Amino acid sequence: MRSSVRIAAGPGFVLDAVTCVDDHRGWSAAELGDRHRMVLARRGTFLRRAGGRSAVVDPTLAYLGLPDEEERFAHPSGGDVCTSLTLSPGLWRTLAGDGPRPVRRTIYVDARLDLAHRRVLAAARTGDAAFALTESLLPLVSATLSQVTGGATDPATGGGAVGVVGAAREVIAAGHPAAAGLLSLAALLEVSPYTLSRAFTRELGVSLTHYRNRVRVGRALDRLECGETRLAELAAELGFADQAHMTRTVRRHCGHTPAALRRLLSPDTQTP
């Protein structure tokens, strides 16, 4: 079952929170989109199939839906919660121009893009759609456009190296003990460490180490967004060597320290 709640609406866009509680491995009936929309997962994992390709969508991989594009979904891992940003044709042309159709549909959500997503949600809570929310959307849309028009290949599910990346992402997301190291992860997946490392760089454009840290930073952002103050305990829970290690990693991925991020993600900071 899927439900949608309108978070905010502004000039040429609507922002919805979409919750799915399905649990099925089979593909849903075909759906046809009528506008450009960005869909970013906050929690959970699901599969999307469009244009003959499948992708595993989770908080590290979003997608761009196109008008008149047929898509199907599967939820083998249970439910998920997503943010859906739908753009009017006029706003899409304003932001994307009249260039060629996007060459890819999937969007790697690095920590900076994740932070931009969270700041959009924080700005939506201010009720200022015309300025605060609209302004916060621009970095999110800009980062997305730079990926989907860049000519890279979609990191889709399937066989070979692409399938290895999907399997590794699933293990990392589940917090499996084997995800603590490259060698143990490769052994679990029954591939060579070299194959696993090379596949990540080729399919996602980032190293396996960077991706694993990206997942940990996302979990840190979840806690900081809720006002977490016990940074040393948080670092230990997320598997960092210590608080300083977590701070360095978070700053490298987001450009801010954990303490600064806690302030940035507070709704009170979205208005002067």
C-alpha atoms as a PDB file:
ATOM      1  CA  MET A   1       0.000   0.000   0.000  1.00  0.00           C
ATOM      2  CA  ARG A   2       1.300   3.447  -0.911  1.00  0.00           C
ATOM      3  CA  SER A   3       0.292   6.747   0.667  1.00  0.00           C
ATOM      4  CA  SER A   4       1.354  10.287  -0.082  1.00  0.00           C
ATOM      5  CA  VAL A   5       1.265  13.388   2.110  1.00  0.00           C
ATOM      6  CA  ARG A   6       1.843  16.868   0.681  1.00  0.00           C
ATOM      7  CA  ILE A   7       4.702  18.529   2.555  1.00  0.00           C
ATOM      8  CA  ALA A   8       4.757  21.806   0.668  1.00  0.00           C
ATOM      9  CA  ALA A   9       3.988  23.422  -2.658  1.00  0.00           C
ATOM     10  CA  GLY A  10       5.668  26.361  -4.329  1.00  0.00           C
ATOM     11  CA  PRO A  11       5.876  28.100  -7.694  1.00  0.00           C
ATOM     12  CA  GLY A  12       6.126  25.214 -10.148  1.00  0.00           C
ATOM     13  CA  PHE A  13       6.823  22.400  -7.706  1.00  0.00           C
ATOM     14  CA  VAL A  14       5.247  20.161  -5.107  1.00  0.00           C
ATOM     15  CA  LEU A  15       7.011  18.219  -2.362  1.00  0.00           C
ATOM     16  CA  ASP A  16       5.440  15.004  -1.091  1.00  0.00           C
ATOM     17  CA  ALA A  17       6.333  12.388   1.514  1.00  0.00           C
ATOM     18  CA  VAL A  18       5.567   8.969   0.024  1.00  0.00           C
ATOM     19  CA  THR A  19       5.298   5.900   2.250  1.00  0.00           C
ATOM     20  CA  CYS A  20       5.092   2.332   0.937  1.00  0.00           C
ATOM     21  CA  VAL A  21       4.351  -0.640   3.157  1.00  0.00           C
ATOM     22  CA  ASP A  22       4.374  -3.254   0.397  1.00  0.00           C
ATOM     23  CA  ASP A  23       6.342  -6.462   0.754  1.00  0.00           C
ATOM     24  CA  HIS A  24       6.485  -8.257  -2.603  1.00  0.00           C
ATOM     25  CA  ARG A  25       9.196  -9.437  -4.958  1.00  0.00           C
ATOM     26  CA  GLY A  26       7.079  -9.264  -8.088  1.00  0.00           C
ATOM     27  CA  TRP A  27       6.866  -6.121 -10.207  1.00  0.00           C
ATOM     28  CA  SER A  28       3.868  -3.845  -9.846  1.00  0.00           C
ATOM     29  CA  ALA A  29       1.620  -2.877 -12.720  1.00  0.00           C
ATOM     30  CA  ALA A  30       3.118  -0.314 -15.080  1.00  0.00           C
ATOM     31  CA  GLU A  31       2.749   3.340 -14.104  1.00  0.00           C
ATOM     32  CA  LEU A  32       3.175   6.279 -16.461  1.00  0.00           C
ATOM     33  CA  GLY A  33       4.646   9.518 -15.151  1.00  0.00           C
ATOM     34  CA  ASP A  34       3.456  12.863 -16.459  1.00  0.00           C
ATOM     35  CA  ARG A  35       6.163  15.211 -15.096  1.00  0.00           C
ATOM     36  CA  HIS A  36       9.802  15.331 -14.091  1.00  0.00           C
ATOM     37  CA  ARG A  37      10.276  14.268 -10.519  1.00  0.00           C
ATOM     38  CA  MET A  38      13.157  13.479  -8.198  1.00  0.00           C
ATOM     39  CA  VAL A  39      12.597  10.704  -5.682  1.00  0.00           C
ATOM     40  CA  LEU A  40      14.968  10.363  -2.725  1.00  0.00           C
ATOM     41  CA  ALA A  41      14.615   7.599  -0.158  1.00  0.00           C
ATOM     42  CA  ARG A  42      14.773   8.543   3.494  1.00  0.00           C
ATOM     43  CA  ARG A  43      14.414   5.003   4.820  1.00  0.00           C
ATOM     44  CA  GLY A  44      14.117   1.542   3.331  1.00  0.00           C
ATOM     45  CA  THR A  45      14.956  -0.050   0.001  1.00  0.00           C
ATOM     46  CA  PHE A  46      12.963  -0.861  -3.117  1.00  0.00           C
ATOM     47  CA  LEU A  47      13.465  -1.715  -6.777  1.00  0.00           C
ATOM     48  CA  ARG A  48      12.483   0.426  -9.736  1.00  0.00           C
ATOM     49  CA  ARG A  49      12.403  -0.651 -13.358  1.00  0.00           C
ATOM     50  CA  ALA A  50      12.220   1.857 -16.223  1.00  0.00           C
ATOM     51  CA  GLY A  51      13.616   1.949 -19.728  1.00  0.00           C
ATOM     52  CA  GLY A  52      14.453  -1.751 -19.554  1.00  0.00           C
ATOM     53  CA  ARG A  53      16.772  -1.336 -16.556  1.00  0.00           C
ATOM     54  CA  SER A  54      16.385  -1.985 -12.842  1.00  0.00           C
ATOM     55  CA  ALA A  55      17.902  -0.033  -9.978  1.00  0.00           C
ATOM     56  CA  VAL A  56      18.066  -0.567  -6.233  1.00  0.00           C
ATOM     57  CA  VAL A  57      16.810   2.641  -4.601  1.00  0.00           C
ATOM     58  CA  ASP A  58      17.847   3.420  -1.025  1.00  0.00           C
ATOM     59  CA  PRO A  59      19.157   6.503   0.834  1.00  0.00           C
ATOM     60  CA  THR A  60      22.353   6.393  -1.255  1.00  0.00           C
ATOM     61  CA  LEU A  61      20.722   6.111  -4.684  1.00  0.00           C
ATOM     62  CA  ALA A  62      17.835   8.284  -5.874  1.00  0.00           C
ATOM     63  CA  TYR A  63      16.170   8.440  -9.284  1.00  0.00           C
ATOM     64  CA  LEU A  64      14.789  10.893 -11.795  1.00  0.00           C
ATOM     65  CA  GLY A  65      11.366  10.115 -13.234  1.00  0.00           C
ATOM     66  CA  LEU A  66      10.618  11.446 -16.715  1.00  0.00           C
ATOM     67  CA  PRO A  67       7.319  12.367 -18.379  1.00  0.00           C
ATOM     68  CA  ASP A  68       5.731   9.508 -20.367  1.00  0.00           C
ATOM     69  CA  GLU A  69       8.203   7.008 -18.930  1.00  0.00           C
ATOM     70  CA  GLU A  70       6.763   3.645 -17.936  1.00  0.00           C
ATOM     71  CA  GLU A  71       7.973   2.382 -14.569  1.00  0.00           C
ATOM     72  CA  ARG A  72       7.375  -0.582 -12.275  1.00  0.00           C
ATOM     73  CA  PHE A  73       8.281  -1.165  -8.635  1.00  0.00           C
ATOM     74  CA  ALA A  74       9.060  -4.084  -6.341  1.00  0.00           C
ATOM     75  CA  HIS A  75       9.485  -4.115  -2.573  1.00  0.00           C
ATOM     76  CA  PRO A  76      11.285  -7.321  -1.587  1.00  0.00           C
ATOM     77  CA  SER A  77      12.646  -5.733   1.605  1.00  0.00           C
ATOM     78  CA  GLY A  78       9.422  -4.299   3.008  1.00  0.00           C
ATOM     79  CA  GLY A  79       8.442  -0.660   3.258  1.00  0.00           C
ATOM     80  CA  ASP A  80      10.174   2.624   2.544  1.00  0.00           C
ATOM     81  CA  VAL A  81       9.741   6.368   3.023  1.00  0.00           C
ATOM     82  CA  CYS A  82      10.688   8.760   0.218  1.00  0.00           C
ATOM     83  CA  THR A  83      10.619  12.420  -0.658  1.00  0.00           C
ATOM     84  CA  SER A  84       9.177  13.136  -4.096  1.00  0.00           C
ATOM     85  CA  LEU A  85       9.877  16.504  -5.728  1.00  0.00           C
ATOM     86  CA  THR A  86       7.686  17.059  -8.790  1.00  0.00           C
ATOM     87  CA  LEU A  87       8.519  19.915 -11.165  1.00  0.00           C
ATOM     88  CA  SER A  88       6.197  21.598 -13.625  1.00  0.00           C
ATOM     89  CA  PRO A  89       7.282  21.605 -17.300  1.00  0.00           C
ATOM     90  CA  GLY A  90       8.001  25.317 -17.063  1.00  0.00           C
ATOM     91  CA  LEU A  91      10.185  25.055 -13.969  1.00  0.00           C
ATOM     92  CA  TRP A  92      12.034  22.055 -15.422  1.00  0.00           C
ATOM     93  CA  ARG A  93      12.867  24.085 -18.553  1.00  0.00           C
ATOM     94  CA  THR A  94      13.956  27.009 -16.391  1.00  0.00           C
ATOM     95  CA  LEU A  95      16.320  24.840 -14.354  1.00  0.00           C
ATOM     96  CA  ALA A  96      17.459  22.307 -16.964  1.00  0.00           C
ATOM     97  CA  GLY A  97      17.206  24.358 -20.135  1.00  0.00           C
ATOM     98  CA  ASP A  98      16.191  22.904 -23.492  1.00  0.00           C
ATOM     99  CA  GLY A  99      19.125  20.529 -23.757  1.00  0.00           C
ATOM    100  CA  PRO A 100      18.954  16.823 -24.608  1.00  0.00           C
ATOM    101  CA  ARG A 101      16.942  14.327 -22.607  1.00  0.00           C
ATOM    102  CA  PRO A 102      18.829  13.171 -19.479  1.00  0.00           C
ATOM    103  CA  VAL A 103      21.155  10.281 -20.272  1.00  0.00           C
ATOM    104  CA  ARG A 104      20.741   8.555 -16.929  1.00  0.00           C
ATOM    105  CA  ARG A 105      18.002   8.080 -14.393  1.00  0.00           C
ATOM    106  CA  THR A 106      19.816   7.201 -11.181  1.00  0.00           C
ATOM    107  CA  ILE A 107      21.478   9.701  -8.867  1.00  0.00           C
ATOM    108  CA  TYR A 108      24.259   8.817  -6.452  1.00  0.00           C
ATOM    109  CA  VAL A 109      23.332  10.557  -3.200  1.00  0.00           C
ATOM    110  CA  ASP A 110      26.598  11.567  -1.601  1.00  0.00           C
ATOM    111  CA  ALA A 111      26.573  13.107   1.866  1.00  0.00           C
ATOM    112  CA  ARG A 112      26.358  16.665   0.522  1.00  0.00           C
ATOM    113  CA  LEU A 113      23.312  15.789  -1.554  1.00  0.00           C
ATOM    114  CA  ASP A 114      21.849  13.997   1.458  1.00  0.00           C
ATOM    115  CA  LEU A 115      22.403  17.136   3.520  1.00  0.00           C
ATOM    116  CA  ALA A 116      20.765  19.253   0.795  1.00  0.00           C
ATOM    117  CA  HIS A 117      17.756  16.912   0.909  1.00  0.00           C
ATOM    118  CA  ARG A 118      17.486  17.215   4.684  1.00  0.00           C
ATOM    119  CA  ARG A 119      17.762  21.001   4.525  1.00  0.00           C
ATOM    120  CA  VAL A 120      14.911  21.067   1.998  1.00  0.00           C
ATOM    121  CA  LEU A 121      12.741  19.158   4.480  1.00  0.00           C
ATOM    122  CA  ALA A 122      13.778  21.493   7.288  1.00  0.00           C
ATOM    123  CA  ALA A 123      12.982  24.519   5.116  1.00  0.00           C
ATOM    124  CA  ALA A 124       9.567  23.042   4.289  1.00  0.00           C
ATOM    125  CA  ARG A 125       8.719  23.126   7.995  1.00  0.00           C
ATOM    126  CA  THR A 126       9.147  26.909   8.041  1.00  0.00           C
ATOM    127  CA  GLY A 127       6.113  27.416   5.794  1.00  0.00           C
ATOM    128  CA  ASP A 128       8.021  29.866   3.559  1.00  0.00           C
ATOM    129  CA  ALA A 129       7.641  28.085   0.204  1.00  0.00           C
ATOM    130  CA  ALA A 130       8.235  31.161  -1.935  1.00  0.00           C
ATOM    131  CA  PHE A 131      11.700  31.959  -0.570  1.00  0.00           C
ATOM    132  CA  ALA A 132      13.250  29.685   2.061  1.00  0.00           C
ATOM    133  CA  LEU A 133      12.030  26.425   0.534  1.00  0.00           C
ATOM    134  CA  THR A 134      12.552  27.445  -3.083  1.00  0.00           C
ATOM    135  CA  GLU A 135      16.076  28.615  -2.345  1.00  0.00           C
ATOM    136  CA  SER A 136      16.905  25.383  -0.531  1.00  0.00           C
ATOM    137  CA  LEU A 137      15.744  23.354  -3.545  1.00  0.00           C
ATOM    138  CA  LEU A 138      18.293  24.874  -5.907  1.00  0.00           C
ATOM    139  CA  PRO A 139      21.411  23.005  -4.650  1.00  0.00           C
ATOM    140  CA  LEU A 140      19.438  19.754  -4.668  1.00  0.00           C
ATOM    141  CA  VAL A 141      18.234  20.180  -8.248  1.00  0.00           C
ATOM    142  CA  SER A 142      21.592  21.501  -9.458  1.00  0.00           C
ATOM    143  CA  ALA A 143      23.474  18.499  -8.063  1.00  0.00           C
ATOM    144  CA  THR A 144      20.966  16.152  -9.648  1.00  0.00           C
ATOM    145  CA  LEU A 145      21.163  17.784 -13.063  1.00  0.00           C
ATOM    146  CA  SER A 146      24.952  17.625 -13.058  1.00  0.00           C
ATOM    147  CA  GLN A 147      24.706  13.841 -12.700  1.00  0.00           C
ATOM    148  CA  VAL A 148      21.856  12.968 -15.031  1.00  0.00           C
ATOM    149  CA  THR A 149      23.243  15.028 -17.911  1.00  0.00           C
ATOM    150  CA  GLY A 150      26.836  13.865 -17.443  1.00  0.00           C
ATOM    151  CA  GLY A 151      26.721  10.828 -19.690  1.00  0.00           C
ATOM    152  CA  ALA A 152      27.620   8.192 -17.102  1.00  0.00           C
ATOM    153  CA  THR A 153      26.016   4.768 -17.153  1.00  0.00           C
ATOM    154  CA  ASP A 154      23.248   3.967 -14.708  1.00  0.00           C
ATOM    155  CA  PRO A 155      24.389   1.796 -11.803  1.00  0.00           C
ATOM    156  CA  ALA A 156      21.572  -0.697 -12.361  1.00  0.00           C
ATOM    157  CA  THR A 157      21.031  -4.133 -11.009  1.00  0.00           C
ATOM    158  CA  GLY A 158      21.947  -7.135 -13.073  1.00  0.00           C
ATOM    159  CA  GLY A 159      24.789  -9.563 -13.596  1.00  0.00           C
ATOM    160  CA  GLY A 160      28.545  -9.184 -13.445  1.00  0.00           C
ATOM    161  CA  ALA A 161      30.173  -6.286 -11.668  1.00  0.00           C
ATOM    162  CA  VAL A 162      26.925  -4.323 -11.432  1.00  0.00           C
ATOM    163  CA  GLY A 163      25.305  -7.177  -9.524  1.00  0.00           C
ATOM    164  CA  VAL A 164      28.292  -7.317  -7.167  1.00  0.00           C
ATOM    165  CA  VAL A 165      27.859  -3.627  -6.345  1.00  0.00           C
ATOM    166  CA  GLY A 166      24.162  -4.116  -5.606  1.00  0.00           C
ATOM    167  CA  ALA A 167      24.885  -7.080  -3.353  1.00  0.00           C
ATOM    168  CA  ALA A 168      27.618  -5.181  -1.507  1.00  0.00           C
ATOM    169  CA  ARG A 169      25.344  -2.182  -0.988  1.00  0.00           C
ATOM    170  CA  GLU A 170      22.720  -4.478   0.512  1.00  0.00           C
ATOM    171  CA  VAL A 171      25.228  -6.005   2.934  1.00  0.00           C
ATOM    172  CA  ILE A 172      26.546  -2.578   3.974  1.00  0.00           C
ATOM    173  CA  ALA A 173      23.039  -1.193   4.463  1.00  0.00           C
ATOM    174  CA  ALA A 174      22.127  -4.175   6.643  1.00  0.00           C
ATOM    175  CA  GLY A 175      25.118  -3.541   8.922  1.00  0.00           C
ATOM    176  CA  HIS A 176      26.380  -7.095   8.409  1.00  0.00           C
ATOM    177  CA  PRO A 177      29.610  -7.785  10.345  1.00  0.00           C
ATOM    178  CA  ALA A 178      31.350  -8.641   7.049  1.00  0.00           C
ATOM    179  CA  ALA A 179      30.869  -5.015   5.953  1.00  0.00           C
ATOM    180  CA  ALA A 180      33.511  -3.949   8.507  1.00  0.00           C
ATOM    181  CA  GLY A 181      36.322  -4.680   6.034  1.00  0.00           C
ATOM    182  CA  LEU A 182      36.984  -5.030   2.311  1.00  0.00           C
ATOM    183  CA  LEU A 183      38.423  -8.537   2.612  1.00  0.00           C
ATOM    184  CA  SER A 184      35.569  -9.891   4.719  1.00  0.00           C
ATOM    185  CA  LEU A 185      32.982  -8.274   2.467  1.00  0.00           C
ATOM    186  CA  ALA A 186      34.586  -9.730  -0.658  1.00  0.00           C
ATOM    187  CA  ALA A 187      34.745 -13.153   0.988  1.00  0.00           C
ATOM    188  CA  LEU A 188      31.049 -13.013   1.873  1.00  0.00           C
ATOM    189  CA  LEU A 189      30.181 -12.103  -1.725  1.00  0.00           C
ATOM    190  CA  GLU A 190      32.595 -14.727  -3.088  1.00  0.00           C
ATOM    191  CA  VAL A 191      34.479 -12.299  -5.312  1.00  0.00           C
ATOM    192  CA  SER A 192      38.041 -11.074  -5.235  1.00  0.00           C
ATOM    193  CA  PRO A 193      38.720  -7.848  -3.287  1.00  0.00           C
ATOM    194  CA  TYR A 194      40.141  -6.346  -6.478  1.00  0.00           C
ATOM    195  CA  THR A 195      36.952  -7.098  -8.432  1.00  0.00           C
ATOM    196  CA  LEU A 196      34.776  -5.631  -5.688  1.00  0.00           C
ATOM    197  CA  SER A 197      36.844  -2.461  -5.342  1.00  0.00           C
ATOM    198  CA  ARG A 198      37.055  -1.874  -9.086  1.00  0.00           C
ATOM    199  CA  ALA A 199      33.313  -2.486  -9.557  1.00  0.00           C
ATOM    200  CA  PHE A 200      32.389   0.234  -7.062  1.00  0.00           C
ATOM    201  CA  THR A 201      34.618   2.810  -8.692  1.00  0.00           C
ATOM    202  CA  ARG A 202      33.294   1.987 -12.146  1.00  0.00           C
ATOM    203  CA  GLU A 203      29.588   1.813 -11.304  1.00  0.00           C
ATOM    204  CA  LEU A 204      29.185   4.571  -8.706  1.00  0.00           C
ATOM    205  CA  GLY A 205      32.197   6.759  -9.360  1.00  0.00           C
ATOM    206  CA  VAL A 206      33.420   6.475  -5.762  1.00  0.00           C
ATOM    207  CA  SER A 207      35.570   3.947  -3.936  1.00  0.00           C
ATOM    208  CA  LEU A 208      34.097   1.231  -1.727  1.00  0.00           C
ATOM    209  CA  THR A 209      35.698   2.890   1.305  1.00  0.00           C
ATOM    210  CA  HIS A 210      34.108   6.211   0.423  1.00  0.00           C
ATOM    211  CA  TYR A 211      30.718   4.548  -0.061  1.00  0.00           C
ATOM    212  CA  ARG A 212      30.846   2.735   3.288  1.00  0.00           C
ATOM    213  CA  ASN A 213      31.727   5.983   5.034  1.00  0.00           C
ATOM    214  CA  ARG A 214      28.920   7.694   3.143  1.00  0.00           C
ATOM    215  CA  VAL A 215      26.441   5.229   4.674  1.00  0.00           C
ATOM    216  CA  ARG A 216      27.844   5.836   8.152  1.00  0.00           C
ATOM    217  CA  VAL A 217      27.670   9.604   7.655  1.00  0.00           C
ATOM    218  CA  GLY A 218      24.020   9.232   6.629  1.00  0.00           C
ATOM    219  CA  ARG A 219      23.299   7.441   9.869  1.00  0.00           C
ATOM    220  CA  ALA A 220      25.093  10.188  11.778  1.00  0.00           C
ATOM    221  CA  LEU A 221      22.938  12.781   9.997  1.00  0.00           C
ATOM    222  CA  ASP A 222      19.810  10.899  11.073  1.00  0.00           C
ATOM    223  CA  ARG A 223      20.846  11.216  14.699  1.00  0.00           C
ATOM    224  CA  LEU A 224      22.065  14.810  14.444  1.00  0.00           C
ATOM    225  CA  GLU A 225      18.798  15.788  12.800  1.00  0.00           C
ATOM    226  CA  CYS A 226      17.066  14.545  15.942  1.00  0.00           C
ATOM    227  CA  GLY A 227      19.338  16.698  18.127  1.00  0.00           C
ATOM    228  CA  GLU A 228      21.875  14.072  19.212  1.00  0.00           C
ATOM    229  CA  THR A 229      24.507  15.614  21.516  1.00  0.00           C
ATOM    230  CA  ARG A 230      26.446  12.564  22.698  1.00  0.00           C
ATOM    231  CA  LEU A 231      28.988  12.594  19.893  1.00  0.00           C
ATOM    232  CA  ALA A 232      31.496  10.229  21.473  1.00  0.00           C
ATOM    233  CA  GLU A 233      28.814   7.591  22.005  1.00  0.00           C
ATOM    234  CA  LEU A 234      27.504   8.156  18.495  1.00  0.00           C
ATOM    235  CA  ALA A 235      30.973   7.646  17.022  1.00  0.00           C
ATOM    236  CA  ALA A 236      31.338   4.357  18.877  1.00  0.00           C
ATOM    237  CA  GLU A 237      27.920   3.118  17.791  1.00  0.00           C
ATOM    238  CA  LEU A 238      28.711   3.855  14.134  1.00  0.00           C
ATOM    239  CA  GLY A 239      32.048   2.054  14.257  1.00  0.00           C
ATOM    240  CA  PHE A 240      34.408   5.028  14.104  1.00  0.00           C
ATOM    241  CA  ALA A 241      37.693   4.817  15.974  1.00  0.00           C
ATOM    242  CA  ASP A 242      36.708   7.779  18.128  1.00  0.00           C
ATOM    243  CA  GLN A 243      34.838  11.083  18.036  1.00  0.00           C
ATOM    244  CA  ALA A 244      37.690  12.842  16.217  1.00  0.00           C
ATOM    245  CA  HIS A 245      37.610  10.194  13.484  1.00  0.00           C
ATOM    246  CA  MET A 246      33.871  10.676  13.036  1.00  0.00           C
ATOM    247  CA  THR A 247      34.256  14.454  12.960  1.00  0.00           C
ATOM    248  CA  ARG A 248      36.942  14.275  10.261  1.00  0.00           C
ATOM    249  CA  THR A 249      34.865  11.882   8.169  1.00  0.00           C
ATOM    250  CA  VAL A 250      31.659  13.880   8.505  1.00  0.00           C
ATOM    251  CA  ARG A 251      33.466  17.130   7.658  1.00  0.00           C
ATOM    252  CA  ARG A 252      35.084  15.510   4.609  1.00  0.00           C
ATOM    253  CA  HIS A 253      31.720  14.296   3.304  1.00  0.00           C
ATOM    254  CA  CYS A 254      29.477  17.211   4.281  1.00  0.00           C
ATOM    255  CA  GLY A 255      31.821  20.156   4.674  1.00  0.00           C
ATOM    256  CA  HIS A 256      30.656  20.742   8.258  1.00  0.00           C
ATOM    257  CA  THR A 257      31.383  19.327  11.700  1.00  0.00           C
ATOM    258  CA  PRO A 258      28.689  17.264  13.483  1.00  0.00           C
ATOM    259  CA  ALA A 259      27.982  20.140  15.874  1.00  0.00           C
ATOM    260  CA  ALA A 260      27.515  22.558  12.966  1.00  0.00           C
ATOM    261  CA  LEU A 261      25.269  20.094  11.158  1.00  0.00           C
ATOM    262  CA  ARG A 262      23.030  19.783  14.200  1.00  0.00           C
ATOM    263  CA  ARG A 263      22.476  23.538  14.013  1.00  0.00           C
ATOM    264  CA  LEU A 264      22.028  23.539  10.220  1.00  0.00           C
ATOM    265  CA  LEU A 265      19.346  20.866  10.370  1.00  0.00           C
ATOM    266  CA  SER A 266      17.293  22.673  12.979  1.00  0.00           C
ATOM    267  CA  PRO A 267      14.179  24.337  11.476  1.00  0.00           C
ATOM    268  CA  ASP A 268      15.003  27.458  13.500  1.00  0.00           C
ATOM    269  CA  THR A 269      18.058  28.109  11.302  1.00  0.00           C
ATOM    270  CA  GLN A 270      16.060  28.225   8.059  1.00  0.00           C
ATOM    271  CA  THR A 271      14.765  31.764   8.657  1.00  0.00           C
ATOM    272  CA  PRO A 272      16.794  34.845   9.574  1.00  0.00           C
END
